[in-house]
Each structure stands twice: as C-alpha cells, then as structure tokens.
Amino acid sequence: MESLLFGTNRGAFTGAIDKSGLFEEANGGTLLLDEINSLSPILQAKLLRAIQEKTIRRIGGTHEKEIDVRIIATINEDPFEAIAHNRLREDLYYRLSVVTLCLPPLRERKEDIPALVQHFIEKYNTQFGLNVTDVDVNVREFFYAYDWPGNVRELEHIIEGSMNLIEDETIITAFHLPTRFRERIKTEFNMQHALTTHNTDAPKTLKHTIEKMEKNYINQILKENHGNISQAAKFLGLSRQNLQYRIKKLHLHI
C-alpha cells in the first residue's frame, strides 16, 4: 500500500521499478482514500506527514517531491470508536475532518436501492457485454426486506455475481442470486403464501407484509412514548431523522 500511495524508485526492493504513486498522479487534483481505518498505524503516520508537509518521498528515494492534492477520505465506522480502539490516529482524523459528511447505511435509505441496482446493472452490462434490464419483483422485494450488513458494496457484489450467471436472460431472478439468498427468498415466499392462504385480507406481497408489521410496531412504540419522536427513536435504535422518514413513508399520524 505504501508503494501504491507514494511510488517507488528502481532498486528499492527486488523487482522495484521507477513508478509514481497515487499522490504524484493526483497532483493538482483530488485523491480518494477509502477506509483509512484499515491502514496500518505506520502508514497513517506517513500519510499525515504527506498531508501536513505537502511533500512525499518515493520508497527508495532520496529527495522530496512537492504535491498539491485535495484529500477525500472515507471510514466505515464511527471515527471516535476507531480512535478509541487504535484503528485511526486522532491527529490524522482532525487533520482530515475539515468537512465531514455522514452517509447513512443502505438499510436506512432503501429508497436508493432501485437507482443503485440500475447503476450496477449498467456497469456490469458494459463489462460483461450483457443486456440485463432489471431484477424481478421477488428479488426487488427481498432487497427491500434485507438489512444489508455489507452496505452498498454487498449490493454491488450480489449484482456482479448474479450477472456472471446470466446467459441470454435480461432479468435477474432469484435463481441467479447466491445460494444463501435463494434459500431465504424461498422461505419468505412460503411464509407469504401461508399468510395469504389463511387470511384473505393479508397483504399480497412480502414487502407489504413487512411494511404492515413495521407500521404497527412503530405506532405502538410512539404510543408508549406519548408521541415523543426523540424518545421513540432512541428506543428503536434509529436516528430522529430516520424515524421521521419512516413515519412519513408509512403514513403514521402522531
């Protein structure tokens, strides 16, 4: 990773050649550093020095090169939690956090799923030479119901893996998904079928079933907290903003 960031000089180690690193290549522009908490403490220290001094030295090099690079860095956990557990240098965090943006996990913004699915389908259509247009209704409903512990990257990997199994089809179905997801969709379809068979008033899709359960549960928690959104959100483990979004989406009246 160090050679990737700062570059190498010929002879620095066996097989090393003269090669610029990402800092040199991004000179005068912007460099995105993904998940900086995964970098080693030593590399974080070298990164901090490069940002502060605005110079870098290639591995095996003897002189400094001036750089002018805007840094955008991402982290996949609470930065203060990472600092507390020595996964992120505190001085590096404060040096980078001039402007901080928090992007909610995918499970809290499922309205973005259709756009993300289309984006990844287009990406891998180009890469694999396919003509996939969408996912089918069962897959889409499963995507809405799933919690996405691996976030957007997990969604991309599922789409990529599914499209590796596509031949002449234009729609991604449950058959194309990884085995663990196929089994879950099959189980949930059977549960849904049992509900609709024994209750003619039951919702006709898995998505509607889940929404009804969510609506009833949130409504109950709001009643128990006398309509106090902040207290209800804390009880549910949601942000106030996310709970307000769900109240609006589910047409709840406080």
Protein backbone atom coordinates (compact mmCIF):
# COMPACT_ATOMS: atom_id res chain seq x y z
CA MET A 1 0.00 0.00 0.00
CA GLU A 2 2.87 2.38 0.77
CA SER A 3 4.34 1.90 -2.70
CA LEU A 4 0.89 2.44 -4.21
CA LEU A 5 0.49 5.76 -2.41
CA PHE A 6 4.00 7.17 -2.63
CA GLY A 7 5.60 5.35 -5.56
CA THR A 8 8.94 3.54 -5.89
CA ASN A 9 12.43 4.08 -7.22
CA ARG A 10 14.28 1.39 -9.12
CA GLY A 11 16.24 -0.85 -6.77
CA ALA A 12 14.22 -0.02 -3.65
CA PHE A 13 13.49 -3.74 -3.34
CA THR A 14 13.65 -6.79 -5.58
CA GLY A 15 11.76 -6.08 -8.77
CA ALA A 16 11.12 -2.42 -7.94
CA ILE A 17 10.95 -0.01 -10.87
CA ASP A 18 10.63 3.75 -11.18
CA LYS A 19 6.91 4.27 -10.68
CA SER A 20 4.87 7.22 -9.49
CA GLY A 21 2.37 6.71 -6.68
CA LEU A 22 -1.19 7.92 -6.34
CA PHE A 23 -0.15 11.18 -4.70
CA GLU A 24 2.01 12.11 -7.68
CA GLU A 25 -0.64 11.03 -10.18
CA ALA A 26 -3.29 13.07 -8.38
CA ASN A 27 -1.09 16.16 -8.11
CA GLY A 28 -3.21 19.22 -8.77
CA GLY A 29 -6.41 17.23 -8.26
CA THR A 30 -8.29 15.06 -5.77
CA LEU A 31 -7.34 11.72 -4.22
CA LEU A 32 -9.97 9.44 -2.62
CA LEU A 33 -8.67 7.25 0.19
CA ASP A 34 -11.20 4.54 1.03
CA GLU A 35 -11.49 3.13 4.57
CA ILE A 36 -8.43 4.83 6.05
CA ASN A 37 -9.05 2.99 9.33
CA SER A 38 -7.78 -0.15 7.57
CA LEU A 39 -4.32 1.39 7.05
CA SER A 40 -1.56 0.41 9.46
CA PRO A 41 -0.57 2.95 12.16
CA ILE A 42 2.82 3.41 10.48
CA LEU A 43 1.24 4.16 7.11
CA GLN A 44 -1.26 6.51 8.74
CA ALA A 45 1.68 8.42 10.23
CA LYS A 46 3.33 8.71 6.79
CA LEU A 47 0.02 9.81 5.30
CA LEU A 48 -0.34 12.51 7.96
CA ARG A 49 3.17 13.75 7.22
CA ALA A 50 2.47 13.93 3.48
CA ILE A 51 -0.70 15.95 4.08
CA GLN A 52 0.95 18.33 6.53
CA GLU A 53 4.23 18.85 4.69
CA LYS A 54 2.72 18.65 1.19
CA THR A 55 5.66 16.54 0.12
CA ILE A 56 6.20 12.82 -0.45
CA ARG A 57 9.23 10.60 -0.88
CA ARG A 58 9.14 7.51 -3.04
CA ILE A 59 10.22 4.23 -1.49
CA GLY A 60 13.95 4.05 -2.11
CA GLY A 61 14.04 7.74 -2.98
CA THR A 62 16.40 10.34 -1.53
CA HIS A 63 14.56 13.59 -2.17
CA GLU A 64 11.13 15.04 -1.50
CA LYS A 65 8.57 15.78 -4.21
CA GLU A 66 6.12 18.63 -3.67
CA ILE A 67 2.45 17.76 -4.07
CA ASP A 68 -0.79 19.71 -4.12
CA VAL A 69 -3.60 17.22 -3.57
CA ARG A 70 -7.09 17.55 -2.13
CA ILE A 71 -7.87 14.51 0.05
CA ILE A 72 -11.27 12.87 0.42
CA ALA A 73 -11.14 10.04 2.96
CA THR A 74 -13.80 7.53 3.97
CA ILE A 75 -14.21 5.39 7.07
CA ASN A 76 -16.64 2.53 7.58
CA GLU A 77 -17.24 3.02 11.31
CA ASP A 78 -17.69 5.77 13.87
CA PRO A 79 -14.36 7.65 13.75
CA PHE A 80 -14.26 8.16 17.51
CA GLU A 81 -14.82 4.44 18.02
CA ALA A 82 -11.91 3.78 15.64
CA ILE A 83 -9.73 6.26 17.53
CA ALA A 84 -10.63 4.68 20.89
CA HIS A 85 -9.58 1.24 19.61
CA ASN A 86 -6.40 2.49 17.91
CA ARG A 87 -7.64 1.85 14.39
CA LEU A 88 -7.36 5.53 13.46
CA ARG A 89 -4.85 8.14 14.55
CA GLU A 90 -6.55 11.01 16.31
CA ASP A 91 -4.24 13.61 14.76
CA LEU A 92 -4.91 12.23 11.27
CA TYR A 93 -8.67 12.39 11.86
CA TYR A 94 -8.59 16.03 12.93
CA ARG A 95 -6.27 16.89 10.05
CA LEU A 96 -8.72 15.40 7.55
CA SER A 97 -12.07 16.35 9.10
CA VAL A 98 -12.33 19.90 7.80
CA VAL A 99 -15.69 18.97 6.28
CA THR A 100 -17.43 15.81 7.50
CA LEU A 101 -20.32 14.09 5.76
CA CYS A 102 -22.20 11.14 7.23
CA LEU A 103 -23.82 8.77 4.73
CA PRO A 104 -26.44 6.53 6.38
CA PRO A 105 -26.09 2.78 5.81
CA LEU A 106 -28.13 1.28 2.99
CA ARG A 107 -30.60 -0.29 5.43
CA GLU A 108 -31.66 3.24 6.45
CA ARG A 109 -32.11 4.55 2.90
CA LYS A 110 -33.69 1.69 1.00
CA GLU A 111 -35.36 4.16 -1.36
CA ASP A 112 -31.92 4.34 -3.03
CA ILE A 113 -31.92 0.63 -3.90
CA PRO A 114 -33.62 0.89 -7.34
CA ALA A 115 -31.16 3.56 -8.53
CA LEU A 116 -28.18 1.61 -7.19
CA VAL A 117 -29.40 -1.61 -8.80
CA GLN A 118 -29.71 0.13 -12.18
CA HIS A 119 -26.28 1.70 -11.78
CA PHE A 120 -24.60 -1.63 -11.09
CA ILE A 121 -26.54 -3.39 -13.85
CA GLU A 122 -25.35 -0.77 -16.36
CA LYS A 123 -21.79 -1.07 -15.05
CA TYR A 124 -21.64 -4.85 -15.48
CA ASN A 125 -23.61 -4.83 -18.73
CA THR A 126 -20.72 -2.82 -20.15
CA GLN A 127 -18.09 -5.02 -18.51
CA PHE A 128 -19.64 -8.38 -19.46
CA GLY A 129 -21.30 -7.41 -22.75
CA LEU A 130 -24.80 -8.22 -21.48
CA ASN A 131 -28.23 -6.65 -21.91
CA VAL A 132 -29.77 -7.07 -18.45
CA THR A 133 -32.53 -4.54 -17.75
CA ASP A 134 -33.69 -5.15 -14.17
CA VAL A 135 -34.31 -7.57 -11.31
CA ASP A 136 -37.63 -9.38 -10.98
CA VAL A 137 -40.26 -8.49 -8.38
CA ASN A 138 -39.26 -11.22 -5.90
CA VAL A 139 -35.63 -10.13 -5.92
CA ARG A 140 -36.59 -6.47 -5.59
CA GLU A 141 -38.85 -7.18 -2.61
CA PHE A 142 -36.10 -9.23 -0.99
CA PHE A 143 -33.67 -6.34 -1.47
CA TYR A 144 -36.11 -4.05 0.34
CA ALA A 145 -36.52 -6.51 3.22
CA TYR A 146 -32.82 -7.35 3.62
CA ASP A 147 -30.70 -5.47 6.23
CA TRP A 148 -27.53 -5.14 4.08
CA PRO A 149 -24.81 -5.65 6.71
CA GLY A 150 -22.23 -5.24 3.93
CA ASN A 151 -23.83 -1.99 2.76
CA VAL A 152 -23.68 -0.79 -0.88
CA ARG A 153 -20.63 -2.92 -1.59
CA GLU A 154 -22.60 -6.06 -0.74
CA LEU A 155 -25.36 -5.00 -3.14
CA GLU A 156 -22.81 -4.46 -5.90
CA HIS A 157 -21.22 -7.86 -5.31
CA ILE A 158 -24.63 -9.55 -5.47
CA ILE A 159 -25.44 -7.85 -8.78
CA GLU A 160 -21.99 -8.66 -10.18
CA GLY A 161 -22.19 -12.30 -9.07
CA SER A 162 -25.71 -12.68 -10.46
CA MET A 163 -24.71 -11.26 -13.83
CA ASN A 164 -21.85 -13.75 -14.02
CA LEU A 165 -24.55 -16.43 -14.23
CA ILE A 166 -26.64 -14.64 -16.85
CA GLU A 167 -26.63 -16.10 -20.36
CA ASP A 168 -29.37 -14.82 -22.66
CA GLU A 169 -31.72 -13.57 -19.93
CA THR A 170 -32.46 -9.89 -19.46
CA ILE A 171 -33.87 -10.09 -15.91
CA ILE A 172 -32.05 -11.11 -12.74
CA THR A 173 -34.14 -13.66 -10.84
CA ALA A 174 -33.71 -15.48 -7.53
CA PHE A 175 -32.03 -18.30 -9.50
CA HIS A 176 -29.07 -16.01 -10.26
CA LEU A 177 -28.52 -14.95 -6.64
CA PRO A 178 -26.03 -16.63 -4.26
CA THR A 179 -27.39 -19.80 -2.65
CA ARG A 180 -27.88 -18.26 0.79
CA PHE A 181 -30.20 -15.63 -0.70
CA ARG A 182 -32.12 -18.10 -2.87
CA GLU A 183 -32.97 -20.13 0.23
CA ARG A 184 -34.14 -17.04 2.12
CA ILE A 185 -36.35 -15.90 -0.74
CA LYS A 186 -37.84 -19.39 -0.99
CA THR A 187 -38.55 -19.47 2.77
CA GLU A 188 -40.08 -16.00 2.79
CA PHE A 189 -42.20 -16.81 -0.26
CA ASN A 190 -43.57 -19.85 1.55
CA MET A 191 -44.33 -17.72 4.63
CA GLN A 192 -46.06 -15.14 2.46
CA HIS A 193 -48.07 -17.86 0.71
CA ALA A 194 -49.22 -19.23 4.08
CA LEU A 195 -50.34 -15.77 5.19
CA THR A 196 -52.32 -15.06 2.05
CA THR A 197 -53.86 -18.55 2.01
CA HIS A 198 -55.24 -18.29 5.54
CA ASN A 199 -56.15 -14.61 5.57
CA THR A 200 -57.80 -13.06 2.54
CA ASP A 201 -57.21 -9.60 4.00
CA ALA A 202 -53.46 -10.13 4.29
CA PRO A 203 -51.07 -8.09 2.09
CA LYS A 204 -50.27 -9.77 -1.21
CA THR A 205 -46.51 -9.22 -1.22
CA LEU A 206 -43.65 -9.72 1.20
CA LYS A 207 -42.91 -6.01 1.08
CA HIS A 208 -46.45 -5.10 2.14
CA THR A 209 -46.40 -7.69 4.91
CA ILE A 210 -43.19 -6.24 6.33
CA GLU A 211 -44.44 -2.65 6.00
CA LYS A 212 -47.62 -3.52 7.88
CA MET A 213 -45.65 -5.13 10.71
CA GLU A 214 -43.25 -2.18 10.81
CA LYS A 215 -46.12 0.32 10.86
CA ASN A 216 -47.86 -1.44 13.74
CA TYR A 217 -44.66 -1.75 15.74
CA ILE A 218 -43.56 1.87 15.28
CA ASN A 219 -47.08 3.06 16.07
CA GLN A 220 -47.02 1.06 19.31
CA ILE A 221 -43.63 2.48 20.35
CA LEU A 222 -44.80 6.03 19.60
CA LYS A 223 -47.86 5.49 21.78
CA GLU A 224 -45.73 4.13 24.62
CA ASN A 225 -43.56 7.26 24.38
CA HIS A 226 -46.58 9.58 24.17
CA GLY A 227 -45.70 10.66 20.63
CA ASN A 228 -42.19 11.80 21.58
CA ILE A 229 -40.18 11.12 18.41
CA SER A 230 -36.76 11.52 20.06
CA GLN A 231 -37.55 9.00 22.81
CA ALA A 232 -39.15 6.57 20.35
CA ALA A 233 -36.15 6.83 18.01
CA LYS A 234 -33.76 6.09 20.88
CA PHE A 235 -35.81 3.04 21.88
CA LEU A 236 -35.86 1.78 18.27
CA GLY A 237 -32.14 2.39 17.76
CA LEU A 238 -32.81 4.88 14.94
CA SER A 239 -31.83 8.47 14.38
CA ARG A 240 -34.61 11.02 14.83
CA GLN A 241 -34.34 11.91 11.13
CA ASN A 242 -34.67 8.27 10.08
CA LEU A 243 -37.73 7.73 12.30
CA GLN A 244 -39.37 10.86 10.87
CA TYR A 245 -38.74 9.49 7.38
CA ARG A 246 -40.39 6.17 8.32
CA ILE A 247 -43.37 7.92 9.92
CA LYS A 248 -43.93 9.86 6.71
CA LYS A 249 -43.37 6.83 4.49
CA LEU A 250 -45.80 4.66 6.48
CA HIS A 251 -48.40 7.46 6.75
CA LEU A 252 -48.47 7.35 10.54
CA HIS A 253 -50.38 10.02 12.43
CA ILE A 254 -48.93 11.15 15.74
